[in-house]
Amino acid sequence: MISLLGNVCRAEDGAILLHAHASLGLPDFTLRGGHLFRAVIRPTCGLKLWRL
């Protein structure tokens, strides 16, 4: 993972919504980026969330 930016909010029905943009480095040293809909993290990923 090169970059992960976005926001987290709660919908009126209480569901948690995530809008994330990611840049990911691939094994062939190319880069892919765009909206992140689903991900599997192996083995770990450190994230810092700010509450505004």
C-alpha atoms as a PDB file:
ATOM      1  CA  MET A   1       0.000   0.000   0.000  1.00  0.00           C
ATOM      2  CA  ILE A   2       1.468   3.303  -1.082  1.00  0.00           C
ATOM      3  CA  SER A   3      -1.410   5.555  -0.026  1.00  0.00           C
ATOM      4  CA  LEU A   4      -4.876   5.224   1.518  1.00  0.00           C
ATOM      5  CA  LEU A   5      -7.037   8.344   1.853  1.00  0.00           C
ATOM      6  CA  GLY A   6     -10.722   8.800   2.478  1.00  0.00           C
ATOM      7  CA  ASN A   7     -13.371   9.233   5.119  1.00  0.00           C
ATOM      8  CA  VAL A   8     -15.537   7.172   7.444  1.00  0.00           C
ATOM      9  CA  CYS A   9     -19.042   8.188   8.491  1.00  0.00           C
ATOM     10  CA  ARG A  10     -22.230   6.724   9.914  1.00  0.00           C
ATOM     11  CA  ALA A  11     -25.411   6.548   7.814  1.00  0.00           C
ATOM     12  CA  GLU A  12     -28.838   7.447   9.200  1.00  0.00           C
ATOM     13  CA  ASP A  13     -29.560   3.735   9.731  1.00  0.00           C
ATOM     14  CA  GLY A  14     -26.364   3.348  11.789  1.00  0.00           C
ATOM     15  CA  ALA A  15     -24.304   1.583   9.111  1.00  0.00           C
ATOM     16  CA  ILE A  16     -20.647   2.562   8.852  1.00  0.00           C
ATOM     17  CA  LEU A  17     -19.702   3.928   5.423  1.00  0.00           C
ATOM     18  CA  LEU A  18     -16.171   4.087   4.035  1.00  0.00           C
ATOM     19  CA  HIS A  19     -15.111   6.141   1.007  1.00  0.00           C
ATOM     20  CA  ALA A  20     -11.475   5.298   0.295  1.00  0.00           C
ATOM     21  CA  HIS A  21      -8.954   5.984  -2.463  1.00  0.00           C
ATOM     22  CA  ALA A  22      -5.899   3.747  -2.587  1.00  0.00           C
ATOM     23  CA  SER A  23      -2.600   3.539  -4.449  1.00  0.00           C
ATOM     24  CA  LEU A  24      -1.182   0.023  -4.412  1.00  0.00           C
ATOM     25  CA  GLY A  25       2.224  -1.221  -5.537  1.00  0.00           C
ATOM     26  CA  LEU A  26       2.146  -4.530  -7.406  1.00  0.00           C
ATOM     27  CA  PRO A  27       4.826  -7.264  -7.461  1.00  0.00           C
ATOM     28  CA  ASP A  28       5.938  -6.200 -10.988  1.00  0.00           C
ATOM     29  CA  PHE A  29       6.678  -2.685  -9.594  1.00  0.00           C
ATOM     30  CA  THR A  30       3.695  -1.063 -11.313  1.00  0.00           C
ATOM     31  CA  LEU A  31       1.117   1.040  -9.478  1.00  0.00           C
ATOM     32  CA  ARG A  32      -2.673   0.793  -9.425  1.00  0.00           C
ATOM     33  CA  GLY A  33      -4.973   3.364  -7.901  1.00  0.00           C
ATOM     34  CA  GLY A  34      -8.618   4.266  -7.501  1.00  0.00           C
ATOM     35  CA  HIS A  35     -11.587   3.622  -5.239  1.00  0.00           C
ATOM     36  CA  LEU A  36     -11.033   0.859  -2.695  1.00  0.00           C
ATOM     37  CA  PHE A  37     -14.114  -1.351  -2.374  1.00  0.00           C
ATOM     38  CA  ARG A  38     -12.612  -4.405  -0.674  1.00  0.00           C
ATOM     39  CA  ALA A  39      -9.176  -5.412   0.597  1.00  0.00           C
ATOM     40  CA  VAL A  40      -7.304  -8.185   2.369  1.00  0.00           C
ATOM     41  CA  ILE A  41      -4.364  -7.021   4.490  1.00  0.00           C
ATOM     42  CA  ARG A  42      -1.450  -9.426   5.068  1.00  0.00           C
ATOM     43  CA  PRO A  43       0.140  -9.562   7.575  1.00  0.00           C
ATOM     44  CA  THR A  44      -0.529  -6.110   9.099  1.00  0.00           C
ATOM     45  CA  CYS A  45      -1.514  -2.556   8.211  1.00  0.00           C
ATOM     46  CA  GLY A  46      -1.115   0.463  10.471  1.00  0.00           C
ATOM     47  CA  LEU A  47      -3.733   3.176  10.080  1.00  0.00           C
ATOM     48  CA  LYS A  48      -4.188   6.514  11.803  1.00  0.00           C
ATOM     49  CA  LEU A  49      -7.718   7.936  11.926  1.00  0.00           C
ATOM     50  CA  TRP A  50      -8.469  11.532  12.872  1.00  0.00           C
ATOM     51  CA  ARG A  51     -11.770  12.702  14.249  1.00  0.00           C
ATOM     52  CA  LEU A  52     -12.621  16.228  13.135  1.00  0.00           C
END
